[in-house]
Amino acid sequence: MTKYVLNSGGMRNNPDGAKRFFAELLKGIKNDPKILLCLFAQPREVWEEKYTAYVEAFREFMPEGVKPAYKMAMPASFKEDVADSDVIYCHGGDDHLSKYWFSQLDIPNVWEGKVVGTNSATTQVLSKHFWTCDWRELKDGLGILPIKTIAHFQSNYGNEDPRGPIDWKKAKSELEEYGDTSLPVYALPEGEFVVIEK
């Protein structure tokens, strides 16, 4: 069984939520976990830079006494990278990039039995349906998880956008009515998460 810990994004805006998120990711795992950082939702040219920045930022959120070893995931060696990791953490970014890479990597089979953490765009892409803040529209994810999601719910995300602030109530209502209406909708505030085992 795979444990998914799905974050809404914006963890820096909710440090307490980020600490709870990482505690949940590492629950029951040794104090020297191997964490695979998957940056596939980001443009390739920034992976090394983002990897270094995230490893540094994560120190603030790690449970006391935990000393992780990190590795940056690469598509060509993803299966081997996953097999050698305790936790796979998939960063947020662009829905399209995330969907492109994940659709080529034999998920969820490749990470069966692992702990998988996601953030924003990667949470959405694993869902059946989602409402994206970037495009402000409904989209279909890969359907790995039978849920609907909205990232960054009721945050300031997009407030500086020329299109104006996001109408979160309308977005949630649209998502509730879209596609499979029997699926649960997770509209989580920034830094908050939900755990699903599948």
C-alpha atoms as a PDB file:
ATOM      1  CA  MET A   1       0.000   0.000   0.000  1.00  0.00           C
ATOM      2  CA  THR A   2       1.276   3.443  -0.942  1.00  0.00           C
ATOM      3  CA  LYS A   3       0.884   6.348   1.469  1.00  0.00           C
ATOM      4  CA  TYR A   4       0.172   9.672  -0.220  1.00  0.00           C
ATOM      5  CA  VAL A   5       0.605  12.904   1.749  1.00  0.00           C
ATOM      6  CA  LEU A   6      -0.937  15.568  -0.467  1.00  0.00           C
ATOM      7  CA  ASN A   7      -0.091  19.202   0.254  1.00  0.00           C
ATOM      8  CA  SER A   8      -1.933  22.238  -1.082  1.00  0.00           C
ATOM      9  CA  GLY A   9       1.270  24.217  -1.677  1.00  0.00           C
ATOM     10  CA  GLY A  10       2.514  27.461  -0.164  1.00  0.00           C
ATOM     11  CA  MET A  11       4.210  25.766   2.778  1.00  0.00           C
ATOM     12  CA  ARG A  12       6.420  28.788   3.413  1.00  0.00           C
ATOM     13  CA  ASN A  13       3.208  30.688   4.224  1.00  0.00           C
ATOM     14  CA  ASN A  14       2.253  28.109   6.857  1.00  0.00           C
ATOM     15  CA  PRO A  15       5.417  26.933   8.687  1.00  0.00           C
ATOM     16  CA  ASP A  16       3.414  25.040  11.317  1.00  0.00           C
ATOM     17  CA  GLY A  17       1.542  23.181   8.579  1.00  0.00           C
ATOM     18  CA  ALA A  18       4.860  22.453   6.839  1.00  0.00           C
ATOM     19  CA  LYS A  19       6.284  20.941  10.035  1.00  0.00           C
ATOM     20  CA  ARG A  20       3.204  18.738  10.440  1.00  0.00           C
ATOM     21  CA  PHE A  21       3.463  17.737   6.787  1.00  0.00           C
ATOM     22  CA  PHE A  22       7.064  16.576   7.111  1.00  0.00           C
ATOM     23  CA  ALA A  23       6.328  14.828  10.409  1.00  0.00           C
ATOM     24  CA  GLU A  24       3.569  12.901   8.612  1.00  0.00           C
ATOM     25  CA  LEU A  25       5.832  12.100   5.657  1.00  0.00           C
ATOM     26  CA  LEU A  26       8.463  10.647   7.976  1.00  0.00           C
ATOM     27  CA  LYS A  27       6.163   8.965  10.489  1.00  0.00           C
ATOM     28  CA  GLY A  28       7.422   5.464  11.280  1.00  0.00           C
ATOM     29  CA  ILE A  29      10.581   5.904   9.187  1.00  0.00           C
ATOM     30  CA  LYS A  30      14.108   5.779  10.601  1.00  0.00           C
ATOM     31  CA  ASN A  31      15.901   8.991  11.616  1.00  0.00           C
ATOM     32  CA  ASP A  32      18.180   8.897   8.569  1.00  0.00           C
ATOM     33  CA  PRO A  33      15.607   8.598   5.757  1.00  0.00           C
ATOM     34  CA  LYS A  34      16.489   8.671   2.087  1.00  0.00           C
ATOM     35  CA  ILE A  35      14.363  11.355   0.446  1.00  0.00           C
ATOM     36  CA  LEU A  36      14.060  11.554  -3.327  1.00  0.00           C
ATOM     37  CA  LEU A  37      13.259  15.066  -4.540  1.00  0.00           C
ATOM     38  CA  CYS A  38      11.268  14.997  -7.752  1.00  0.00           C
ATOM     39  CA  LEU A  39      11.388  18.322  -9.564  1.00  0.00           C
ATOM     40  CA  PHE A  40       9.530  17.266 -12.706  1.00  0.00           C
ATOM     41  CA  ALA A  41       6.953  20.058 -12.345  1.00  0.00           C
ATOM     42  CA  GLN A  42       9.738  22.609 -12.861  1.00  0.00           C
ATOM     43  CA  PRO A  43      11.603  23.483 -16.085  1.00  0.00           C
ATOM     44  CA  ARG A  44      14.673  21.256 -16.497  1.00  0.00           C
ATOM     45  CA  GLU A  45      17.120  24.167 -16.459  1.00  0.00           C
ATOM     46  CA  VAL A  46      16.298  25.019 -12.814  1.00  0.00           C
ATOM     47  CA  TRP A  47      16.348  21.524 -11.260  1.00  0.00           C
ATOM     48  CA  GLU A  48      19.832  21.781  -9.718  1.00  0.00           C
ATOM     49  CA  GLU A  49      19.197  25.276  -8.374  1.00  0.00           C
ATOM     50  CA  LYS A  50      15.794  24.321  -6.934  1.00  0.00           C
ATOM     51  CA  TYR A  51      17.178  21.089  -5.482  1.00  0.00           C
ATOM     52  CA  THR A  52      19.852  22.988  -3.517  1.00  0.00           C
ATOM     53  CA  ALA A  53      17.333  25.591  -2.320  1.00  0.00           C
ATOM     54  CA  TYR A  54      14.767  22.992  -1.204  1.00  0.00           C
ATOM     55  CA  VAL A  55      17.310  20.877   0.679  1.00  0.00           C
ATOM     56  CA  GLU A  56      18.343  24.005   2.569  1.00  0.00           C
ATOM     57  CA  ALA A  57      14.739  25.092   3.237  1.00  0.00           C
ATOM     58  CA  PHE A  58      13.663  21.660   4.472  1.00  0.00           C
ATOM     59  CA  ARG A  59      16.042  21.865   7.446  1.00  0.00           C
ATOM     60  CA  GLU A  60      13.625  24.312   9.057  1.00  0.00           C
ATOM     61  CA  PHE A  61      10.746  21.855   8.850  1.00  0.00           C
ATOM     62  CA  MET A  62      12.373  18.517   9.718  1.00  0.00           C
ATOM     63  CA  PRO A  63      11.367  16.793  12.966  1.00  0.00           C
ATOM     64  CA  GLU A  64      14.004  16.964  15.688  1.00  0.00           C
ATOM     65  CA  GLY A  65      16.724  14.347  15.348  1.00  0.00           C
ATOM     66  CA  VAL A  66      15.949  13.495  11.728  1.00  0.00           C
ATOM     67  CA  LYS A  67      18.924  13.721   9.371  1.00  0.00           C
ATOM     68  CA  PRO A  68      17.807  12.919   5.833  1.00  0.00           C
ATOM     69  CA  ALA A  69      19.960  11.999   2.866  1.00  0.00           C
ATOM     70  CA  TYR A  70      18.645  13.638  -0.294  1.00  0.00           C
ATOM     71  CA  LYS A  71      18.866  12.747  -3.971  1.00  0.00           C
ATOM     72  CA  MET A  72      17.504  14.518  -7.041  1.00  0.00           C
ATOM     73  CA  ALA A  73      15.279  12.310  -9.201  1.00  0.00           C
ATOM     74  CA  MET A  74      16.031  11.917 -12.883  1.00  0.00           C
ATOM     75  CA  PRO A  75      13.575  10.471 -15.407  1.00  0.00           C
ATOM     76  CA  ALA A  76      16.069   7.979 -16.862  1.00  0.00           C
ATOM     77  CA  SER A  77      16.842   6.456 -13.454  1.00  0.00           C
ATOM     78  CA  PHE A  78      13.515   7.106 -11.720  1.00  0.00           C
ATOM     79  CA  LYS A  79      12.693   3.452 -11.059  1.00  0.00           C
ATOM     80  CA  GLU A  80      16.090   2.826  -9.445  1.00  0.00           C
ATOM     81  CA  ASP A  81      15.990   6.157  -7.580  1.00  0.00           C
ATOM     82  CA  VAL A  82      12.587   5.294  -6.099  1.00  0.00           C
ATOM     83  CA  ALA A  83      13.661   1.792  -5.109  1.00  0.00           C
ATOM     84  CA  ASP A  84      16.574   3.248  -3.150  1.00  0.00           C
ATOM     85  CA  SER A  85      14.412   5.842  -1.314  1.00  0.00           C
ATOM     86  CA  ASP A  86      12.155   5.838   1.735  1.00  0.00           C
ATOM     87  CA  VAL A  87      10.166   8.911   0.691  1.00  0.00           C
ATOM     88  CA  ILE A  88       9.469  10.448  -2.703  1.00  0.00           C
ATOM     89  CA  TYR A  89       8.689  14.153  -2.508  1.00  0.00           C
ATOM     90  CA  CYS A  90       7.251  15.754  -5.655  1.00  0.00           C
ATOM     91  CA  HIS A  91       7.498  19.539  -5.747  1.00  0.00           C
ATOM     92  CA  GLY A  92       4.902  21.866  -7.166  1.00  0.00           C
ATOM     93  CA  GLY A  93       5.164  24.017 -10.250  1.00  0.00           C
ATOM     94  CA  ASP A  94       3.529  23.564 -13.632  1.00  0.00           C
ATOM     95  CA  ASP A  95       0.573  21.187 -14.092  1.00  0.00           C
ATOM     96  CA  HIS A  96       1.518  20.438 -17.698  1.00  0.00           C
ATOM     97  CA  LEU A  97       5.142  19.556 -16.948  1.00  0.00           C
ATOM     98  CA  SER A  98       4.116  17.406 -14.009  1.00  0.00           C
ATOM     99  CA  LYS A  99       1.527  15.535 -16.066  1.00  0.00           C
ATOM    100  CA  TYR A 100       3.963  15.081 -18.951  1.00  0.00           C
ATOM    101  CA  TRP A 101       6.660  13.437 -16.825  1.00  0.00           C
ATOM    102  CA  PHE A 102       4.388  11.424 -14.543  1.00  0.00           C
ATOM    103  CA  SER A 103       2.559   9.946 -17.534  1.00  0.00           C
ATOM    104  CA  GLN A 104       5.883   8.472 -18.724  1.00  0.00           C
ATOM    105  CA  LEU A 105       7.135   7.028 -15.430  1.00  0.00           C
ATOM    106  CA  ASP A 106       4.858   4.047 -14.716  1.00  0.00           C
ATOM    107  CA  ILE A 107       3.222   5.609 -11.696  1.00  0.00           C
ATOM    108  CA  PRO A 108       1.732   4.464  -9.411  1.00  0.00           C
ATOM    109  CA  ASN A 109       3.384   1.064  -9.977  1.00  0.00           C
ATOM    110  CA  VAL A 110       6.941   2.366  -9.682  1.00  0.00           C
ATOM    111  CA  TRP A 111       6.392   3.709  -6.150  1.00  0.00           C
ATOM    112  CA  GLU A 112       4.080   0.991  -4.814  1.00  0.00           C
ATOM    113  CA  GLY A 113       4.534   0.641  -1.049  1.00  0.00           C
ATOM    114  CA  LYS A 114       6.437   3.919  -0.655  1.00  0.00           C
ATOM    115  CA  VAL A 115       5.558   7.211   1.009  1.00  0.00           C
ATOM    116  CA  VAL A 116       4.808   9.859  -1.620  1.00  0.00           C
ATOM    117  CA  GLY A 117       4.534  13.534  -0.739  1.00  0.00           C
ATOM    118  CA  THR A 118       3.155  16.019  -3.247  1.00  0.00           C
ATOM    119  CA  ASN A 119       2.756  19.762  -3.424  1.00  0.00           C
ATOM    120  CA  SER A 120       0.322  21.958  -5.392  1.00  0.00           C
ATOM    121  CA  ALA A 121       0.623  20.995  -9.085  1.00  0.00           C
ATOM    122  CA  THR A 122       1.772  17.457  -8.339  1.00  0.00           C
ATOM    123  CA  THR A 123      -1.140  16.973  -5.929  1.00  0.00           C
ATOM    124  CA  GLN A 124      -3.509  18.119  -8.660  1.00  0.00           C
ATOM    125  CA  VAL A 125      -2.038  15.915 -11.376  1.00  0.00           C
ATOM    126  CA  LEU A 126      -2.457  12.770  -9.265  1.00  0.00           C
ATOM    127  CA  SER A 127      -6.153  13.663  -8.831  1.00  0.00           C
ATOM    128  CA  LYS A 128      -8.984  12.677 -11.156  1.00  0.00           C
ATOM    129  CA  HIS A 129     -10.051  16.292 -11.652  1.00  0.00           C
ATOM    130  CA  PHE A 130      -8.682  19.637 -10.472  1.00  0.00           C
ATOM    131  CA  TRP A 131      -9.135  23.377 -10.728  1.00  0.00           C
ATOM    132  CA  THR A 132      -5.864  25.095 -11.576  1.00  0.00           C
ATOM    133  CA  CYS A 133      -4.960  28.526 -10.229  1.00  0.00           C
ATOM    134  CA  ASP A 134      -2.602  29.199 -13.137  1.00  0.00           C
ATOM    135  CA  TRP A 135      -5.162  28.684 -15.897  1.00  0.00           C
ATOM    136  CA  ARG A 136      -8.204  29.311 -13.700  1.00  0.00           C
ATOM    137  CA  GLU A 137     -10.038  26.407 -15.232  1.00  0.00           C
ATOM    138  CA  LEU A 138     -10.976  22.778 -14.690  1.00  0.00           C
ATOM    139  CA  LYS A 139      -8.657  20.028 -15.872  1.00  0.00           C
ATOM    140  CA  ASP A 140      -8.352  16.281 -15.707  1.00  0.00           C
ATOM    141  CA  GLY A 141      -5.446  14.764 -13.851  1.00  0.00           C
ATOM    142  CA  LEU A 142      -4.032  11.273 -14.234  1.00  0.00           C
ATOM    143  CA  GLY A 143      -6.691   9.830 -11.927  1.00  0.00           C
ATOM    144  CA  ILE A 144      -4.182   7.978  -9.737  1.00  0.00           C
ATOM    145  CA  LEU A 145      -6.297   9.035  -6.763  1.00  0.00           C
ATOM    146  CA  PRO A 146     -10.129   9.177  -6.845  1.00  0.00           C
ATOM    147  CA  ILE A 147     -10.356  12.777  -5.649  1.00  0.00           C
ATOM    148  CA  LYS A 148     -10.737  16.362  -6.854  1.00  0.00           C
ATOM    149  CA  THR A 149      -8.357  19.099  -5.697  1.00  0.00           C
ATOM    150  CA  ILE A 150      -7.743  22.842  -5.630  1.00  0.00           C
ATOM    151  CA  ALA A 151      -4.294  24.032  -4.573  1.00  0.00           C
ATOM    152  CA  HIS A 152      -3.640  27.207  -2.548  1.00  0.00           C
ATOM    153  CA  PHE A 153      -7.306  27.459  -1.587  1.00  0.00           C
ATOM    154  CA  GLN A 154      -8.436  30.851  -0.235  1.00  0.00           C
ATOM    155  CA  SER A 155      -4.874  32.187  -0.300  1.00  0.00           C
ATOM    156  CA  ASN A 156      -3.493  35.368  -1.856  1.00  0.00           C
ATOM    157  CA  TYR A 157      -2.322  33.327  -4.844  1.00  0.00           C
ATOM    158  CA  GLY A 158      -3.024  35.331  -7.976  1.00  0.00           C
ATOM    159  CA  ASN A 159      -3.903  38.579  -6.210  1.00  0.00           C
ATOM    160  CA  GLU A 160      -1.286  40.448  -8.271  1.00  0.00           C
ATOM    161  CA  ASP A 161      -2.512  38.789 -11.464  1.00  0.00           C
ATOM    162  CA  PRO A 162      -3.914  41.155 -14.167  1.00  0.00           C
ATOM    163  CA  ARG A 163      -7.026  38.934 -14.186  1.00  0.00           C
ATOM    164  CA  GLY A 164      -7.738  39.997 -10.608  1.00  0.00           C
ATOM    165  CA  PRO A 165      -8.113  37.875  -7.459  1.00  0.00           C
ATOM    166  CA  ILE A 166      -9.380  34.311  -7.717  1.00  0.00           C
ATOM    167  CA  ASP A 167     -13.023  33.702  -6.841  1.00  0.00           C
ATOM    168  CA  TRP A 168     -12.378  30.668  -4.637  1.00  0.00           C
ATOM    169  CA  LYS A 169     -16.043  29.976  -3.913  1.00  0.00           C
ATOM    170  CA  LYS A 170     -16.837  29.848  -7.623  1.00  0.00           C
ATOM    171  CA  ALA A 171     -13.794  27.658  -8.337  1.00  0.00           C
ATOM    172  CA  LYS A 172     -14.827  25.125  -5.701  1.00  0.00           C
ATOM    173  CA  SER A 173     -18.423  25.100  -6.928  1.00  0.00           C
ATOM    174  CA  GLU A 174     -17.287  24.497 -10.512  1.00  0.00           C
ATOM    175  CA  LEU A 175     -15.057  21.632  -9.393  1.00  0.00           C
ATOM    176  CA  GLU A 176     -17.825  20.029  -7.355  1.00  0.00           C
ATOM    177  CA  GLU A 177     -20.038  19.954 -10.444  1.00  0.00           C
ATOM    178  CA  TYR A 178     -17.320  18.791 -12.864  1.00  0.00           C
ATOM    179  CA  GLY A 179     -16.704  15.208 -14.006  1.00  0.00           C
ATOM    180  CA  ASP A 180     -17.408  12.490 -11.455  1.00  0.00           C
ATOM    181  CA  THR A 181     -19.603  14.296  -8.926  1.00  0.00           C
ATOM    182  CA  SER A 182     -19.308  11.421  -6.438  1.00  0.00           C
ATOM    183  CA  LEU A 183     -15.632  12.167  -5.746  1.00  0.00           C
ATOM    184  CA  PRO A 184     -14.550  14.086  -2.624  1.00  0.00           C
ATOM    185  CA  VAL A 185     -13.244  17.624  -3.147  1.00  0.00           C
ATOM    186  CA  TYR A 186     -10.121  18.654  -1.242  1.00  0.00           C
ATOM    187  CA  ALA A 187      -9.859  22.436  -1.209  1.00  0.00           C
ATOM    188  CA  LEU A 188      -7.024  22.831   1.279  1.00  0.00           C
ATOM    189  CA  PRO A 189      -5.558  26.071   2.624  1.00  0.00           C
ATOM    190  CA  GLU A 190      -1.868  26.607   1.940  1.00  0.00           C
ATOM    191  CA  GLY A 191       0.445  24.304   3.872  1.00  0.00           C
ATOM    192  CA  GLU A 192      -2.361  21.922   4.795  1.00  0.00           C
ATOM    193  CA  PHE A 193      -2.491  18.328   3.630  1.00  0.00           C
ATOM    194  CA  VAL A 194      -4.532  15.174   3.427  1.00  0.00           C
ATOM    195  CA  VAL A 195      -3.298  11.575   3.799  1.00  0.00           C
ATOM    196  CA  ILE A 196      -4.617   8.863   1.472  1.00  0.00           C
ATOM    197  CA  GLU A 197      -3.474   5.254   1.492  1.00  0.00           C
ATOM    198  CA  LYS A 198      -4.050   3.286  -1.678  1.00  0.00           C
END
